[in-house]
N, C-alpha and C. Protein backbone atom coordinates (compact mmCIF):
# COMPACT_ATOMS: atom_id res chain seq x y z
N MET A 1 129.86 68.29 89.45
CA MET A 1 128.80 68.91 90.24
C MET A 1 127.78 69.52 89.27
N ASN A 2 126.52 69.23 89.49
CA ASN A 2 125.50 69.84 88.64
C ASN A 2 125.16 71.25 89.16
N ARG A 3 124.43 71.99 88.35
CA ARG A 3 124.15 73.39 88.68
C ARG A 3 123.32 73.52 89.96
N LEU A 4 122.36 72.62 90.20
CA LEU A 4 121.55 72.70 91.42
C LEU A 4 122.44 72.49 92.64
N ASP A 5 123.37 71.54 92.57
CA ASP A 5 124.32 71.34 93.68
C ASP A 5 125.17 72.58 93.90
N GLU A 6 125.57 73.21 92.80
CA GLU A 6 126.36 74.44 92.91
C GLU A 6 125.55 75.53 93.61
N ILE A 7 124.29 75.69 93.24
CA ILE A 7 123.42 76.69 93.88
C ILE A 7 123.27 76.38 95.36
N ASN A 8 123.01 75.13 95.66
CA ASN A 8 122.81 74.74 97.06
C ASN A 8 124.06 74.93 97.91
N GLY A 9 125.24 74.75 97.32
CA GLY A 9 126.48 74.84 98.08
C GLY A 9 127.16 76.19 98.05
N ALA A 10 126.64 77.10 97.27
CA ALA A 10 127.29 78.40 97.11
C ALA A 10 127.07 79.30 98.32
N ASP A 11 128.04 80.20 98.55
CA ASP A 11 127.80 81.23 99.56
C ASP A 11 126.73 82.17 99.01
N LEU A 12 126.19 83.03 99.87
CA LEU A 12 125.06 83.87 99.48
C LEU A 12 125.37 84.75 98.26
N PRO A 13 126.49 85.46 98.21
CA PRO A 13 126.74 86.29 97.02
C PRO A 13 126.79 85.47 95.73
N ARG A 14 127.40 84.31 95.76
CA ARG A 14 127.48 83.46 94.56
C ARG A 14 126.10 82.92 94.20
N CYS A 15 125.32 82.55 95.18
CA CYS A 15 123.96 82.07 94.93
C CYS A 15 123.14 83.16 94.25
N ILE A 16 123.24 84.37 94.75
CA ILE A 16 122.51 85.49 94.15
C ILE A 16 123.01 85.74 92.73
N GLN A 17 124.30 85.61 92.52
CA GLN A 17 124.86 85.77 91.18
C GLN A 17 124.29 84.71 90.23
N LEU A 18 124.21 83.49 90.69
CA LEU A 18 123.69 82.40 89.85
C LEU A 18 122.21 82.56 89.54
N LEU A 19 121.44 83.00 90.51
CA LEU A 19 119.98 83.06 90.37
C LEU A 19 119.44 84.46 90.07
N GLY A 20 120.28 85.46 90.18
CA GLY A 20 119.82 86.84 90.12
C GLY A 20 119.14 87.24 88.82
N GLY A 21 119.44 86.58 87.73
CA GLY A 21 118.84 86.93 86.46
C GLY A 21 117.54 86.22 86.14
N VAL A 22 117.13 85.30 87.00
CA VAL A 22 115.91 84.55 86.72
C VAL A 22 114.70 85.49 86.69
N PHE A 23 114.60 86.35 87.67
CA PHE A 23 113.53 87.36 87.71
C PHE A 23 114.14 88.67 87.26
N GLU A 24 113.63 89.21 86.18
CA GLU A 24 114.17 90.36 85.46
C GLU A 24 114.57 91.51 86.39
N HIS A 25 115.87 91.81 86.42
CA HIS A 25 116.40 92.94 87.19
C HIS A 25 115.91 92.95 88.64
N SER A 26 115.74 91.78 89.23
CA SER A 26 115.20 91.68 90.60
C SER A 26 115.95 90.64 91.41
N PRO A 27 117.23 90.87 91.69
CA PRO A 27 118.01 89.89 92.45
C PRO A 27 117.51 89.68 93.88
N TRP A 28 116.64 90.56 94.35
CA TRP A 28 116.07 90.38 95.70
C TRP A 28 115.30 89.07 95.79
N VAL A 29 114.74 88.61 94.68
CA VAL A 29 114.00 87.34 94.70
C VAL A 29 114.98 86.20 94.99
N ALA A 30 116.12 86.21 94.32
CA ALA A 30 117.14 85.18 94.55
C ALA A 30 117.66 85.25 95.98
N GLU A 31 117.88 86.45 96.47
CA GLU A 31 118.40 86.61 97.84
C GLU A 31 117.42 86.04 98.86
N HIS A 32 116.15 86.34 98.68
CA HIS A 32 115.13 85.82 99.60
C HIS A 32 115.03 84.29 99.50
N ALA A 33 115.00 83.78 98.29
CA ALA A 33 114.86 82.34 98.10
C ALA A 33 116.07 81.57 98.62
N ALA A 34 117.24 82.17 98.55
CA ALA A 34 118.46 81.48 98.96
C ALA A 34 118.41 81.02 100.41
N THR A 35 117.63 81.68 101.22
CA THR A 35 117.55 81.31 102.63
C THR A 35 116.83 79.98 102.82
N ALA A 36 116.15 79.49 101.79
CA ALA A 36 115.40 78.23 101.88
C ALA A 36 116.21 77.03 101.38
N ARG A 37 117.47 77.25 101.01
CA ARG A 37 118.27 76.13 100.52
C ARG A 37 118.45 75.07 101.59
N PRO A 38 118.65 73.83 101.21
CA PRO A 38 118.89 73.32 99.86
C PRO A 38 117.59 73.08 99.09
N PHE A 39 117.69 73.23 97.77
CA PHE A 39 116.56 72.96 96.89
C PHE A 39 116.65 71.51 96.42
N ALA A 40 115.54 70.82 96.46
CA ALA A 40 115.51 69.41 96.06
C ALA A 40 115.44 69.25 94.54
N SER A 41 114.95 70.28 93.86
CA SER A 41 114.74 70.17 92.41
C SER A 41 114.57 71.58 91.83
N GLY A 42 114.54 71.64 90.52
CA GLY A 42 114.25 72.90 89.86
C GLY A 42 112.87 73.40 90.20
N GLU A 43 111.92 72.48 90.30
CA GLU A 43 110.55 72.85 90.69
C GLU A 43 110.54 73.47 92.09
N HIS A 44 111.26 72.87 93.02
CA HIS A 44 111.34 73.40 94.38
C HIS A 44 111.98 74.79 94.38
N LEU A 45 113.06 74.95 93.63
CA LEU A 45 113.72 76.25 93.52
C LEU A 45 112.76 77.30 92.97
N HIS A 46 112.08 76.97 91.87
CA HIS A 46 111.18 77.94 91.25
C HIS A 46 110.01 78.27 92.16
N ARG A 47 109.42 77.27 92.79
CA ARG A 47 108.30 77.50 93.70
C ARG A 47 108.73 78.42 94.85
N THR A 48 109.94 78.23 95.37
CA THR A 48 110.45 79.07 96.46
C THR A 48 110.63 80.51 95.99
N MET A 49 111.12 80.68 94.77
CA MET A 49 111.29 82.02 94.24
C MET A 49 109.93 82.70 94.03
N LEU A 50 108.96 81.95 93.53
CA LEU A 50 107.61 82.52 93.36
C LEU A 50 107.00 82.90 94.71
N GLN A 51 107.24 82.10 95.73
CA GLN A 51 106.74 82.42 97.06
C GLN A 51 107.35 83.72 97.56
N ALA A 52 108.63 83.93 97.26
CA ALA A 52 109.27 85.19 97.66
C ALA A 52 108.56 86.38 97.02
N VAL A 53 108.19 86.24 95.76
CA VAL A 53 107.48 87.30 95.06
C VAL A 53 106.11 87.52 95.69
N MET A 54 105.37 86.45 95.93
CA MET A 54 104.01 86.58 96.45
C MET A 54 103.99 87.09 97.89
N GLN A 55 105.07 86.86 98.64
CA GLN A 55 105.14 87.36 100.02
C GLN A 55 105.60 88.81 100.08
N ALA A 56 106.12 89.30 98.98
CA ALA A 56 106.57 90.70 98.94
C ALA A 56 105.36 91.62 98.91
N GLY A 57 105.57 92.83 99.30
CA GLY A 57 104.49 93.81 99.26
C GLY A 57 104.10 94.16 97.84
N VAL A 58 102.97 94.79 97.69
CA VAL A 58 102.46 95.12 96.37
C VAL A 58 103.42 96.05 95.63
N ASP A 59 104.07 96.98 96.32
CA ASP A 59 105.00 97.89 95.66
C ASP A 59 106.18 97.12 95.06
N LYS A 60 106.66 96.13 95.77
CA LYS A 60 107.79 95.34 95.28
C LYS A 60 107.36 94.47 94.11
N ARG A 61 106.15 93.92 94.17
CA ARG A 61 105.64 93.13 93.04
C ARG A 61 105.46 94.02 91.81
N LEU A 62 104.95 95.22 92.00
CA LEU A 62 104.81 96.15 90.87
C LEU A 62 106.17 96.54 90.30
N ALA A 63 107.15 96.73 91.16
CA ALA A 63 108.50 97.04 90.67
C ALA A 63 109.05 95.87 89.84
N LEU A 64 108.77 94.65 90.26
CA LEU A 64 109.18 93.48 89.49
C LEU A 64 108.52 93.49 88.11
N ILE A 65 107.24 93.75 88.07
CA ILE A 65 106.52 93.80 86.79
C ILE A 65 107.11 94.89 85.91
N ARG A 66 107.35 96.05 86.49
CA ARG A 66 107.87 97.19 85.72
C ARG A 66 109.32 96.98 85.27
N ALA A 67 110.02 96.04 85.88
CA ALA A 67 111.41 95.75 85.49
C ALA A 67 111.49 95.02 84.15
N HIS A 68 110.36 94.49 83.68
CA HIS A 68 110.34 93.78 82.41
C HIS A 68 110.27 94.75 81.23
N PRO A 69 110.94 94.40 80.14
CA PRO A 69 110.86 95.26 78.96
C PRO A 69 109.53 95.09 78.24
N GLU A 70 109.12 96.12 77.54
CA GLU A 70 107.95 95.99 76.67
C GLU A 70 108.31 95.06 75.52
N LEU A 71 107.32 94.40 74.98
CA LEU A 71 107.53 93.56 73.81
C LEU A 71 107.84 94.46 72.62
N ALA A 72 108.99 94.22 71.99
CA ALA A 72 109.45 95.03 70.85
C ALA A 72 109.51 96.51 71.20
N GLY A 73 109.76 96.81 72.46
CA GLY A 73 109.78 98.19 72.93
C GLY A 73 111.14 98.85 72.82
N ARG A 74 111.29 99.95 73.52
CA ARG A 74 112.50 100.77 73.47
C ARG A 74 113.75 99.95 73.75
N GLU A 75 113.70 99.09 74.79
CA GLU A 75 114.87 98.29 75.14
C GLU A 75 115.29 97.38 74.00
N ALA A 76 114.31 96.80 73.29
CA ALA A 76 114.61 95.93 72.15
C ALA A 76 115.23 96.73 71.02
N VAL A 77 114.67 97.90 70.74
CA VAL A 77 115.17 98.74 69.65
C VAL A 77 116.60 99.20 69.94
N GLU A 78 116.86 99.55 71.22
CA GLU A 78 118.18 100.08 71.60
C GLU A 78 119.18 98.99 71.95
N GLY A 79 118.75 97.72 71.97
CA GLY A 79 119.65 96.63 72.32
C GLY A 79 119.95 96.55 73.80
N GLY A 80 119.02 97.04 74.64
CA GLY A 80 119.27 97.11 76.07
C GLY A 80 118.59 96.02 76.90
N MET A 81 118.09 94.98 76.26
CA MET A 81 117.43 93.91 77.02
C MET A 81 118.45 92.92 77.57
N THR A 82 118.05 92.20 78.60
CA THR A 82 118.89 91.13 79.12
C THR A 82 119.03 90.05 78.05
N PRO A 83 120.06 89.22 78.13
CA PRO A 83 120.18 88.12 77.16
C PRO A 83 118.96 87.21 77.14
N ASP A 84 118.37 86.92 78.31
CA ASP A 84 117.17 86.08 78.34
C ASP A 84 116.03 86.73 77.58
N SER A 85 115.76 88.00 77.85
CA SER A 85 114.67 88.70 77.16
C SER A 85 114.93 88.80 75.66
N THR A 86 116.18 89.06 75.28
CA THR A 86 116.53 89.14 73.87
C THR A 86 116.24 87.81 73.18
N SER A 87 116.64 86.72 73.80
CA SER A 87 116.39 85.39 73.24
C SER A 87 114.91 85.10 73.15
N GLU A 88 114.18 85.38 74.23
CA GLU A 88 112.74 85.10 74.28
C GLU A 88 111.99 85.90 73.21
N GLN A 89 112.31 87.19 73.09
CA GLN A 89 111.63 88.01 72.08
C GLN A 89 112.11 87.68 70.67
N GLY A 90 113.37 87.34 70.55
CA GLY A 90 113.93 87.02 69.25
C GLY A 90 113.33 85.76 68.64
N ARG A 91 112.95 84.81 69.47
CA ARG A 91 112.38 83.55 68.97
C ARG A 91 111.18 83.79 68.09
N LEU A 92 110.37 84.81 68.41
CA LEU A 92 109.19 85.11 67.61
C LEU A 92 109.41 86.30 66.67
N GLY A 93 110.65 86.75 66.55
CA GLY A 93 110.94 87.84 65.64
C GLY A 93 110.53 89.21 66.14
N LEU A 94 110.31 89.34 67.45
CA LEU A 94 109.88 90.64 67.99
C LEU A 94 111.01 91.66 68.03
N THR A 95 112.23 91.22 67.80
CA THR A 95 113.36 92.15 67.80
C THR A 95 113.63 92.72 66.41
N ALA A 96 112.88 92.27 65.40
CA ALA A 96 113.06 92.75 64.02
C ALA A 96 111.73 92.68 63.27
N LEU A 97 110.77 93.49 63.71
CA LEU A 97 109.42 93.45 63.14
C LEU A 97 109.31 94.29 61.87
N PRO A 98 108.44 93.87 60.95
CA PRO A 98 108.07 94.75 59.84
C PRO A 98 107.37 95.99 60.40
N LYS A 99 107.43 97.09 59.68
CA LYS A 99 106.92 98.37 60.19
C LYS A 99 105.47 98.30 60.66
N ALA A 100 104.60 97.67 59.92
CA ALA A 100 103.18 97.62 60.31
C ALA A 100 103.00 96.89 61.63
N GLU A 101 103.69 95.79 61.82
CA GLU A 101 103.59 95.06 63.09
C GLU A 101 104.23 95.84 64.22
N PHE A 102 105.36 96.49 63.94
CA PHE A 102 106.01 97.32 64.96
C PHE A 102 105.09 98.45 65.40
N ASP A 103 104.44 99.10 64.45
CA ASP A 103 103.51 100.18 64.79
C ASP A 103 102.34 99.65 65.62
N ARG A 104 101.82 98.49 65.28
CA ARG A 104 100.70 97.90 66.03
C ARG A 104 101.12 97.55 67.45
N ILE A 105 102.25 96.91 67.63
CA ILE A 105 102.67 96.53 68.98
C ILE A 105 103.04 97.77 69.79
N THR A 106 103.58 98.79 69.14
CA THR A 106 103.88 100.05 69.83
C THR A 106 102.59 100.68 70.35
N GLN A 107 101.55 100.66 69.54
CA GLN A 107 100.26 101.21 69.95
C GLN A 107 99.68 100.41 71.12
N LEU A 108 99.77 99.08 71.04
CA LEU A 108 99.26 98.24 72.13
C LEU A 108 100.06 98.47 73.41
N ASN A 109 101.38 98.54 73.29
CA ASN A 109 102.22 98.81 74.45
C ASN A 109 101.84 100.14 75.11
N ARG A 110 101.67 101.16 74.30
CA ARG A 110 101.33 102.50 74.83
C ARG A 110 99.98 102.47 75.54
N ALA A 111 98.98 101.89 74.89
CA ALA A 111 97.64 101.84 75.49
C ALA A 111 97.66 101.03 76.79
N TYR A 112 98.37 99.94 76.80
CA TYR A 112 98.44 99.09 77.99
C TYR A 112 99.14 99.83 79.14
N ARG A 113 100.29 100.44 78.83
CA ARG A 113 101.04 101.15 79.88
C ARG A 113 100.23 102.33 80.41
N GLU A 114 99.54 103.05 79.54
CA GLU A 114 98.73 104.18 79.99
C GLU A 114 97.59 103.72 80.90
N LYS A 115 97.00 102.59 80.59
CA LYS A 115 95.88 102.11 81.39
C LYS A 115 96.33 101.49 82.71
N PHE A 116 97.41 100.70 82.69
CA PHE A 116 97.78 99.92 83.87
C PHE A 116 99.02 100.43 84.61
N GLY A 117 99.87 101.20 83.95
CA GLY A 117 101.06 101.72 84.61
C GLY A 117 102.25 100.78 84.61
N PHE A 118 102.20 99.75 83.80
CA PHE A 118 103.31 98.80 83.68
C PHE A 118 103.21 98.11 82.32
N PRO A 119 104.30 97.45 81.89
CA PRO A 119 104.27 96.81 80.57
C PRO A 119 103.41 95.54 80.56
N CYS A 120 102.93 95.22 79.39
CA CYS A 120 102.18 93.98 79.20
C CYS A 120 103.17 92.82 79.17
N ILE A 121 103.06 91.95 80.16
CA ILE A 121 103.97 90.80 80.25
C ILE A 121 103.28 89.61 79.61
N VAL A 122 103.96 89.02 78.63
CA VAL A 122 103.44 87.85 77.94
C VAL A 122 104.55 86.80 77.93
N ALA A 123 104.25 85.61 78.40
CA ALA A 123 105.20 84.50 78.36
C ALA A 123 105.24 83.99 76.92
N LEU A 124 106.24 84.42 76.19
CA LEU A 124 106.32 84.12 74.77
C LEU A 124 106.49 82.63 74.49
N LYS A 125 106.99 81.89 75.46
CA LYS A 125 107.16 80.46 75.26
C LYS A 125 105.81 79.75 75.08
N LEU A 126 104.73 80.41 75.48
CA LEU A 126 103.39 79.83 75.33
C LEU A 126 102.77 80.14 73.97
N HIS A 127 103.52 80.84 73.12
CA HIS A 127 103.00 81.27 71.82
C HIS A 127 103.87 80.74 70.69
N ASP A 128 103.20 80.38 69.60
CA ASP A 128 103.91 79.92 68.41
C ASP A 128 104.06 81.01 67.37
N THR A 129 103.22 82.06 67.47
CA THR A 129 103.27 83.13 66.48
C THR A 129 103.11 84.49 67.15
N ARG A 130 103.53 85.51 66.44
CA ARG A 130 103.34 86.88 66.92
C ARG A 130 101.86 87.25 66.93
N ASP A 131 101.10 86.69 66.01
CA ASP A 131 99.67 87.01 65.93
C ASP A 131 98.95 86.70 67.24
N THR A 132 99.29 85.57 67.85
CA THR A 132 98.61 85.23 69.12
C THR A 132 99.06 86.14 70.25
N VAL A 133 100.30 86.60 70.19
CA VAL A 133 100.80 87.55 71.20
C VAL A 133 100.03 88.86 71.08
N LEU A 134 99.92 89.37 69.86
CA LEU A 134 99.21 90.63 69.64
C LEU A 134 97.74 90.51 70.03
N ALA A 135 97.14 89.37 69.72
CA ALA A 135 95.73 89.16 70.08
C ALA A 135 95.57 89.14 71.60
N GLN A 136 96.50 88.50 72.30
CA GLN A 136 96.42 88.48 73.76
C GLN A 136 96.59 89.87 74.34
N MET A 137 97.52 90.63 73.81
CA MET A 137 97.72 91.99 74.30
C MET A 137 96.45 92.81 74.12
N ALA A 138 95.85 92.73 72.96
CA ALA A 138 94.64 93.50 72.69
C ALA A 138 93.50 93.06 73.60
N GLN A 139 93.36 91.78 73.80
CA GLN A 139 92.28 91.24 74.64
C GLN A 139 92.45 91.67 76.10
N ARG A 140 93.68 91.69 76.58
CA ARG A 140 93.93 92.03 77.98
C ARG A 140 93.68 93.50 78.29
N LEU A 141 93.65 94.34 77.29
CA LEU A 141 93.33 95.76 77.51
C LEU A 141 91.94 95.95 78.10
N ALA A 142 91.06 94.97 77.94
CA ALA A 142 89.70 95.07 78.48
C ALA A 142 89.64 94.77 79.98
N ASN A 143 90.70 94.25 80.55
CA ASN A 143 90.70 93.86 81.96
C ASN A 143 90.87 95.05 82.89
N ASP A 144 90.62 94.82 84.18
CA ASP A 144 90.90 95.85 85.18
C ASP A 144 92.33 95.67 85.69
N ARG A 145 92.81 96.65 86.44
CA ARG A 145 94.20 96.67 86.89
C ARG A 145 94.55 95.47 87.77
N ASP A 146 93.70 95.11 88.71
CA ASP A 146 94.00 93.97 89.59
C ASP A 146 94.12 92.68 88.79
N THR A 147 93.26 92.51 87.81
CA THR A 147 93.33 91.32 86.96
C THR A 147 94.65 91.31 86.20
N GLU A 148 95.07 92.47 85.72
CA GLU A 148 96.31 92.52 84.95
C GLU A 148 97.55 92.36 85.83
N ILE A 149 97.50 92.79 87.07
CA ILE A 149 98.61 92.51 87.98
C ILE A 149 98.71 90.99 88.17
N ALA A 150 97.59 90.34 88.39
CA ALA A 150 97.58 88.88 88.54
C ALA A 150 98.06 88.20 87.25
N ASN A 151 97.59 88.68 86.10
CA ASN A 151 98.04 88.11 84.83
C ASN A 151 99.54 88.28 84.63
N ALA A 152 100.05 89.47 84.94
CA ALA A 152 101.48 89.72 84.79
C ALA A 152 102.30 88.77 85.67
N LEU A 153 101.87 88.59 86.91
CA LEU A 153 102.61 87.69 87.80
C LEU A 153 102.52 86.24 87.33
N GLU A 154 101.37 85.84 86.80
CA GLU A 154 101.24 84.49 86.25
C GLU A 154 102.17 84.30 85.05
N GLN A 155 102.21 85.29 84.16
CA GLN A 155 103.08 85.22 83.00
C GLN A 155 104.55 85.19 83.42
N ILE A 156 104.91 85.99 84.42
CA ILE A 156 106.27 85.98 84.95
C ILE A 156 106.61 84.60 85.50
N GLY A 157 105.64 83.95 86.12
CA GLY A 157 105.86 82.58 86.59
C GLY A 157 106.24 81.63 85.45
N HIS A 158 105.55 81.73 84.32
CA HIS A 158 105.89 80.90 83.15
C HIS A 158 107.28 81.24 82.61
N ILE A 159 107.56 82.53 82.52
CA ILE A 159 108.85 82.99 82.00
C ILE A 159 109.99 82.47 82.87
N THR A 160 109.84 82.65 84.18
CA THR A 160 110.92 82.30 85.09
C THR A 160 111.08 80.79 85.24
N ARG A 161 110.00 80.04 85.07
CA ARG A 161 110.15 78.58 85.11
C ARG A 161 111.05 78.12 83.96
N ALA A 162 110.85 78.68 82.78
CA ALA A 162 111.70 78.33 81.64
C ALA A 162 113.14 78.77 81.90
N ARG A 163 113.33 79.91 82.54
CA ARG A 163 114.68 80.38 82.84
C ARG A 163 115.37 79.47 83.85
N VAL A 164 114.65 79.03 84.86
CA VAL A 164 115.23 78.09 85.83
C VAL A 164 115.62 76.80 85.11
N ASP A 165 114.76 76.30 84.27
CA ASP A 165 115.07 75.07 83.53
C ASP A 165 116.33 75.25 82.69
N ARG A 166 116.47 76.37 81.98
CA ARG A 166 117.66 76.62 81.17
C ARG A 166 118.90 76.74 82.05
N LEU A 167 118.76 77.42 83.17
CA LEU A 167 119.89 77.58 84.09
C LEU A 167 120.39 76.23 84.59
N LEU A 168 119.47 75.36 84.94
CA LEU A 168 119.86 74.07 85.49
C LEU A 168 120.39 73.11 84.43
N GLU A 169 120.11 73.38 83.16
CA GLU A 169 120.64 72.55 82.08
C GLU A 169 122.11 72.83 81.82
N THR A 170 122.59 74.01 82.19
CA THR A 170 123.97 74.39 81.87
C THR A 170 124.96 73.87 82.88
């Protein structure tokens, strides 16, 4: 049995267990999406999960955004990130930065959180280097809050698509 068949055939608690980590600390997305089973493909599963997010109220979407760790932030330093986030940040070396880069990203994180009230979400899979991540963070500080909410949700879409793909490969 492949993983998609397992998801489709699982009872609700098992389905939530299988999908609950796709959206960072937000198993409600999996619970909502599970009602649309069976999923024909990974794309169908991911699209259904994104629809659950977009149908949620603004407070729930903001809670989802806030559930993500900052890039090279406190959770990374303390080892408190999810395995997915640790892997994603580790690929670009964000979990072990030189002091100058750590100080720069800390400053960007602080400025971003102070302005928008949530962490800067960047789909690291779209980047080959830390330099482009830092440049994107700095550039996004010029945006307004509504634009950044939309950007965060778009980036979460990229992140979670990769997570669904990895989940279905196992």
